[in-house]
């Protein structure tokens, strides 16, 4: 028996086709299931507690849906196996999960503006937040839209002073475009920004883009999709850390798994002692 949890708002309300395709397949194969909209569940933990232990759950959605699920169940030991199936616009966490195939994923913690947010994929501040905000505000959230918003931001974004503290050691960059601390490999709908990241360890893959001209910056971002940008060592700082604190001394947009926080100057990121246990749903 499966419970299919879906978010009707994923992929700009175009998720109905994916949901219908899965439902039709289950009906055709006589697989017992129950379809439930996440928007109609007021208390997710109470809902999971009422479900039988031997029920398997399929969570349909993108990074935002997964992030919301993790934050709601952070302190609840889920008894059922939860499978993931892409049904969003970004799906970056799912890309890494498919690439790495890790059965356990470390839950990371972000602190911003006195608030706490948990995540599985990545968090950052700077131009990546600006790009994320632009995509979220767009009516069409396709990969082409990601690319167009990215190119526009590369032209208009003004680099900032960045103070970065990694495991107690502080660095300063006068013209930084972004700082991202990731648990997964991808951001922005397929940009392979931290290709060496591992979902199941306690290390964050940290990347800073700094002191680069606009022309070279565009070249760097175009190579991100193939993970080749790390060759630009003069402009790319990449390392691993367990505790990250980043401050830009003006109001910026921070992001966490696609959710954006405006008017933010400082973010702090580190691993928790909790693990998620998601598996990809293969349909078999």
Protein backbone atom coordinates (compact mmCIF):
# COMPACT_ATOMS: atom_id res chain seq x y z
CA UNK A 1 0.00 0.00 0.00
CA UNK A 2 1.33 3.40 -1.02
CA UNK A 3 0.36 6.87 0.11
CA UNK A 4 1.13 9.40 -2.62
CA UNK A 5 1.70 12.86 -1.14
CA UNK A 6 1.71 15.53 -3.81
CA UNK A 7 2.04 19.29 -3.95
CA UNK A 8 -0.36 20.70 -6.57
CA UNK A 9 1.65 23.95 -6.68
CA UNK A 10 4.94 22.31 -7.68
CA UNK A 11 6.29 23.22 -11.11
CA UNK A 12 4.04 26.25 -11.33
CA UNK A 13 0.79 24.22 -11.04
CA UNK A 14 1.85 21.89 -13.88
CA UNK A 15 2.40 18.91 -11.59
CA UNK A 16 -1.05 17.47 -12.32
CA UNK A 17 0.30 15.65 -15.37
CA UNK A 18 3.04 13.90 -13.43
CA UNK A 19 0.66 13.00 -10.62
CA UNK A 20 -1.96 11.68 -13.06
CA UNK A 21 0.65 9.62 -14.89
CA UNK A 22 1.71 7.92 -11.65
CA UNK A 23 -1.89 7.37 -10.54
CA UNK A 24 -2.84 5.89 -13.91
CA UNK A 25 0.17 3.56 -13.78
CA UNK A 26 -0.79 2.33 -10.31
CA UNK A 27 -4.36 1.72 -11.43
CA UNK A 28 -3.21 -0.15 -14.53
CA UNK A 29 -0.93 -2.38 -12.42
CA UNK A 30 -3.54 -2.81 -9.66
CA UNK A 31 -1.22 -1.36 -7.03
CA UNK A 32 -3.19 -0.17 -3.98
CA UNK A 33 -2.63 3.50 -3.18
CA UNK A 34 -4.11 6.58 -1.58
CA UNK A 35 -3.61 10.05 -3.08
CA UNK A 36 -3.35 12.99 -0.67
CA UNK A 37 -2.59 16.65 -1.30
CA UNK A 38 0.00 18.11 1.07
CA UNK A 39 -2.00 21.34 1.05
CA UNK A 40 -4.87 19.52 2.78
CA UNK A 41 -2.72 18.13 5.61
CA UNK A 42 -2.79 20.57 8.53
CA UNK A 43 -0.54 18.47 10.79
CA UNK A 44 1.91 16.28 8.86
CA UNK A 45 3.24 14.47 11.95
CA UNK A 46 -0.28 13.61 13.10
CA UNK A 47 -1.06 12.33 9.60
CA UNK A 48 2.04 10.10 9.57
CA UNK A 49 1.26 8.79 13.04
CA UNK A 50 -2.17 7.61 11.87
CA UNK A 51 -0.71 5.84 8.84
CA UNK A 52 0.19 2.17 9.20
CA UNK A 53 3.86 1.33 9.66
CA UNK A 54 3.91 -0.97 6.62
CA UNK A 55 2.59 1.75 4.32
CA UNK A 56 5.16 3.20 1.91
CA UNK A 57 5.06 6.90 1.12
CA UNK A 58 5.84 8.54 -2.21
CA UNK A 59 6.58 12.26 -1.91
CA UNK A 60 5.96 14.06 -5.20
CA UNK A 61 7.59 17.46 -5.57
CA UNK A 62 10.77 19.44 -6.03
CA UNK A 63 13.34 20.90 -3.65
CA UNK A 64 10.81 23.15 -1.93
CA UNK A 65 8.40 20.30 -1.21
CA UNK A 66 11.19 18.09 0.15
CA UNK A 67 12.53 20.99 2.24
CA UNK A 68 9.10 21.64 3.72
CA UNK A 69 8.67 17.93 4.52
CA UNK A 70 12.07 17.81 6.28
CA UNK A 71 11.37 20.93 8.35
CA UNK A 72 7.98 19.62 9.48
CA UNK A 73 9.32 16.18 10.45
CA UNK A 74 12.76 17.19 11.74
CA UNK A 75 12.14 15.89 15.27
CA UNK A 76 9.82 13.03 14.35
CA UNK A 77 11.10 9.46 13.76
CA UNK A 78 9.30 8.51 10.56
CA UNK A 79 8.33 4.83 10.64
CA UNK A 80 7.42 4.48 6.99
CA UNK A 81 9.83 4.34 4.06
CA UNK A 82 9.63 7.60 2.12
CA UNK A 83 10.36 7.56 -1.61
CA UNK A 84 10.93 10.67 -3.72
CA UNK A 85 9.75 11.33 -7.24
CA UNK A 86 10.52 14.58 -9.04
CA UNK A 87 7.59 16.85 -9.65
CA UNK A 88 9.06 20.34 -9.22
CA UNK A 89 10.97 22.97 -11.15
CA UNK A 90 14.46 22.54 -9.67
CA UNK A 91 14.82 18.94 -8.45
CA UNK A 92 18.47 19.56 -7.51
CA UNK A 93 18.46 17.34 -4.42
CA UNK A 94 17.01 14.50 -6.48
CA UNK A 95 19.78 14.95 -9.05
CA UNK A 96 22.41 14.42 -6.37
CA UNK A 97 20.53 11.52 -4.80
CA UNK A 98 20.36 9.82 -8.19
CA UNK A 99 24.07 10.48 -8.79
CA UNK A 100 25.33 9.43 -5.35
CA UNK A 101 22.63 6.88 -4.38
CA UNK A 102 23.13 7.36 -0.64
CA UNK A 103 20.50 5.74 1.64
CA UNK A 104 21.07 8.26 4.45
CA UNK A 105 21.31 12.03 4.00
CA UNK A 106 22.65 14.47 6.59
CA UNK A 107 20.21 17.20 7.58
CA UNK A 108 21.95 20.58 7.64
CA UNK A 109 20.95 23.66 9.60
CA UNK A 110 20.80 27.29 8.46
CA UNK A 111 20.50 30.27 10.80
CA UNK A 112 19.53 33.60 9.25
CA UNK A 113 18.00 36.72 10.78
CA UNK A 114 17.55 34.88 14.08
CA UNK A 115 15.57 32.09 12.40
CA UNK A 116 16.43 28.42 11.91
CA UNK A 117 15.87 26.46 8.72
CA UNK A 118 16.81 22.85 7.98
CA UNK A 119 17.84 21.64 4.55
CA UNK A 120 19.29 18.77 2.55
CA UNK A 121 20.70 20.38 -0.58
CA UNK A 122 22.27 23.80 -0.13
CA UNK A 123 22.21 27.32 1.26
CA UNK A 124 23.93 30.50 0.16
CA UNK A 125 23.99 34.26 -0.06
CA UNK A 126 24.68 36.65 -2.89
CA UNK A 127 23.92 36.31 -6.57
CA UNK A 128 22.55 32.77 -6.18
CA UNK A 129 19.87 34.16 -3.87
CA UNK A 130 19.14 36.94 -6.35
CA UNK A 131 18.77 34.37 -9.13
CA UNK A 132 16.54 32.18 -6.97
CA UNK A 133 14.29 35.12 -6.13
CA UNK A 134 13.98 36.03 -9.81
CA UNK A 135 13.04 32.47 -10.74
CA UNK A 136 10.50 32.22 -7.90
CA UNK A 137 8.82 35.40 -9.12
CA UNK A 138 8.61 34.14 -12.71
CA UNK A 139 5.42 32.52 -13.98
CA UNK A 140 7.39 29.98 -16.04
CA UNK A 141 9.99 28.06 -14.01
CA UNK A 142 11.65 26.13 -16.85
CA UNK A 143 15.40 25.54 -17.20
CA UNK A 144 15.44 28.20 -19.91
CA UNK A 145 13.97 30.65 -17.39
CA UNK A 146 16.72 29.72 -14.92
CA UNK A 147 19.31 30.48 -17.58
CA UNK A 148 17.74 33.81 -18.59
CA UNK A 149 17.41 35.01 -14.99
CA UNK A 150 21.00 33.90 -14.32
CA UNK A 151 22.42 35.83 -17.28
CA UNK A 152 20.48 38.97 -16.31
CA UNK A 153 21.73 38.74 -12.73
CA UNK A 154 25.33 38.26 -13.88
CA UNK A 155 25.11 41.57 -15.72
CA UNK A 156 23.36 43.61 -13.02
CA UNK A 157 24.57 42.19 -9.69
CA UNK A 158 27.16 44.29 -7.84
CA UNK A 159 29.86 42.26 -6.04
CA UNK A 160 30.00 42.66 -2.27
CA UNK A 161 32.52 42.45 0.55
CA UNK A 162 32.33 38.97 2.07
CA UNK A 163 33.65 37.90 5.46
CA UNK A 164 33.76 34.12 5.58
CA UNK A 165 34.54 32.09 8.69
CA UNK A 166 35.18 28.38 8.17
CA UNK A 167 35.63 26.24 11.28
CA UNK A 168 36.88 29.29 13.19
CA UNK A 169 39.23 30.68 10.51
CA UNK A 170 38.22 33.92 8.80
CA UNK A 171 38.83 35.05 5.22
CA UNK A 172 37.78 38.30 3.57
CA UNK A 173 36.87 38.88 -0.07
CA UNK A 174 36.36 42.45 -1.28
CA UNK A 175 34.47 41.61 -4.47
CA UNK A 176 32.46 38.45 -3.91
CA UNK A 177 29.51 37.38 -6.03
CA UNK A 178 28.31 34.49 -3.93
CA UNK A 179 29.01 32.07 -1.11
CA UNK A 180 27.26 28.75 -1.15
CA UNK A 181 27.52 25.93 1.40
CA UNK A 182 26.11 22.73 -0.02
CA UNK A 183 25.27 19.21 1.00
CA UNK A 184 24.33 18.34 -2.59
CA UNK A 185 26.06 18.83 -5.94
CA UNK A 186 23.49 20.93 -7.81
CA UNK A 187 21.69 24.25 -7.52
CA UNK A 188 19.58 26.35 -9.90
CA UNK A 189 17.93 23.52 -11.82
CA UNK A 190 21.03 21.56 -12.78
CA UNK A 191 24.11 23.73 -12.15
CA UNK A 192 26.74 21.29 -10.86
CA UNK A 193 28.27 23.85 -8.54
CA UNK A 194 29.81 21.56 -5.91
CA UNK A 195 30.51 18.29 -7.74
CA UNK A 196 32.43 16.70 -4.85
CA UNK A 197 29.68 17.09 -2.25
CA UNK A 198 28.46 14.03 -0.36
CA UNK A 199 24.93 13.81 1.03
CA UNK A 200 25.76 11.48 3.90
CA UNK A 201 28.72 13.19 5.60
CA UNK A 202 28.94 16.10 8.04
CA UNK A 203 30.96 18.31 5.66
CA UNK A 204 29.60 21.24 3.71
CA UNK A 205 31.11 21.96 0.31
CA UNK A 206 31.82 25.70 0.32
CA UNK A 207 32.26 27.74 -2.84
CA UNK A 208 33.02 31.45 -3.29
CA UNK A 209 33.10 33.33 -6.62
CA UNK A 210 35.14 36.53 -6.33
CA UNK A 211 37.30 39.15 -8.09
CA UNK A 212 36.19 38.28 -11.61
CA UNK A 213 35.23 40.43 -14.59
CA UNK A 214 31.71 40.28 -16.02
CA UNK A 215 32.85 38.54 -19.20
CA UNK A 216 34.77 35.85 -17.34
CA UNK A 217 31.92 35.54 -14.84
CA UNK A 218 29.51 34.58 -17.63
CA UNK A 219 32.02 32.00 -18.86
CA UNK A 220 32.39 30.59 -15.35
CA UNK A 221 28.64 30.21 -14.89
CA UNK A 222 28.20 28.53 -18.26
CA UNK A 223 30.76 25.88 -17.26
CA UNK A 224 28.93 25.20 -13.97
CA UNK A 225 26.43 22.94 -15.74
CA UNK A 226 29.29 20.56 -16.52
CA UNK A 227 31.10 21.07 -13.22
CA UNK A 228 34.13 22.54 -15.00
CA UNK A 229 34.11 25.91 -13.23
CA UNK A 230 36.47 24.67 -10.49
CA UNK A 231 39.31 25.00 -13.01
CA UNK A 232 39.04 28.80 -12.64
CA UNK A 233 41.02 28.67 -9.40
CA UNK A 234 41.89 32.36 -9.53
CA UNK A 235 38.22 33.28 -9.17
CA UNK A 236 36.76 30.20 -7.47
CA UNK A 237 37.50 29.25 -3.88
CA UNK A 238 36.29 25.74 -3.05
CA UNK A 239 36.80 23.81 0.17
CA UNK A 240 35.02 21.72 2.80
CA UNK A 241 34.01 22.83 6.30
CA UNK A 242 31.73 21.73 9.12
CA UNK A 243 30.75 25.19 10.32
CA UNK A 244 30.27 28.13 7.97
CA UNK A 245 29.46 31.76 8.73
CA UNK A 246 29.18 34.25 5.88
CA UNK A 247 28.52 37.98 6.15
CA UNK A 248 27.97 40.49 3.37
CA UNK A 249 27.83 44.02 4.73
CA UNK A 250 24.70 45.07 2.86
CA UNK A 251 21.22 43.63 2.51
CA UNK A 252 21.33 40.55 0.27
CA UNK A 253 19.11 37.66 -0.75
CA UNK A 254 19.95 34.39 0.96
CA UNK A 255 18.56 31.07 -0.26
CA UNK A 256 18.00 27.60 1.12
CA UNK A 257 16.87 24.82 -1.22
CA UNK A 258 15.24 27.42 -3.45
CA UNK A 259 13.47 29.34 -0.69
CA UNK A 260 14.69 32.94 -0.62
CA UNK A 261 15.17 35.35 2.28
CA UNK A 262 15.50 39.01 1.39
CA UNK A 263 17.32 41.71 3.39
CA UNK A 264 19.81 39.25 4.90
CA UNK A 265 23.42 40.12 5.79
CA UNK A 266 24.64 37.02 7.63
CA UNK A 267 24.01 33.29 7.39
CA UNK A 268 25.42 30.46 9.48
CA UNK A 269 25.41 26.85 8.30
CA UNK A 270 26.39 23.55 9.95
CA UNK A 271 25.46 19.87 10.12
CA UNK A 272 22.97 18.43 12.59
CA UNK A 273 23.13 14.95 14.09
CA UNK A 274 19.97 13.94 12.26
CA UNK A 275 19.66 11.95 9.06
CA UNK A 276 16.93 11.68 6.45
CA UNK A 277 16.32 8.30 4.84
CA UNK A 278 14.89 9.09 1.43
CA UNK A 279 15.05 6.72 -1.52
CA UNK A 280 14.32 7.41 -5.17
CA UNK A 281 11.08 5.94 -6.44
CA UNK A 282 11.92 3.94 -9.54
CA UNK A 283 8.42 2.68 -10.30
CA UNK A 284 9.46 -0.94 -10.13
